[in-house]
Amino acid sequence: MKKLLLAVVLLVVTITNAQKGSILLGGNVGFTSEKIGDAKSTSFEFSPKIGYQFTDNWTAGIEGSIANLKVAGFDKTEASRIGAFVRYSMPISETFAFYTDLGAGYQSTSLNNAKGMYVSLTPALFINMKRGFGLNFSIGGINYDNLDGKNDPRQERVGFDFGKTFNIGISKNFGL
C-alpha cells in the first residue's frame, strides 16, 4: 500500500506558479544507508503535504511523514508524524521562488511506543521547471521535538541544521 501511494504521488506531484485559491500537493522522499565497521543501518522516509493557497503568498495545510529504520541486529523501527503547516512564498522571478514552512504536530515511534510533538521551521527554494513541474530544495532548518516512551526518560531535541542536510522534493499547485 505504501509503495502504491508513493507511486501515485510521484506521478501526480508537479508544480506551477502559486496562485490564490489553488491546492498545493507535494512532498519529499528520502533514503539513507550507513555502514560503520560491521554495523549497517538503512532508513526510508516519505513526507507528503497538501494545502490550500488562500493568498498569492500564504498557504496552510496538513503534512505527514512515514519512516522506517533498520539497524542490523535490532528490530525495525517505524515512525510517523501528522501535523499542520503554514507556508509563506516570495517569488524571485518566473522560475525561482523562496518559501519558508512552519510545521507543528504529533509524532510517534514504534521504539518503546514513544509519542510526542514536533515543531519545524524550514526555508527552501522552489524552481519552476516546465508546464508546472517544479523542484523544492532545502538545506536544513530549525526544529524541536520531544518523545516520551514506556520505560524511557523523556527525550527533547532542538536542532539547528543549516548546511547539514539536503532535501529535494516536488510539488504542484492545482487551480480551482
Foldseek 3Di string as FASTA:
>chain_A
DVVVVVVVLVVPFFAAQAAAFWKKKKWFKDKDWDDDPNKIKIKIKTKIWIWHRHHSFKIKTKIKMWMWMDIPPDDIKIKMWIWMKMKGWAAPDNFKIKMKIWIKTKMFMPVLGKIWMKIWIWIWMWGQDPPGGIKIKTQFTWMWMWIDHPPDHIDIDIDGGGNNHITMMTMYIGHD
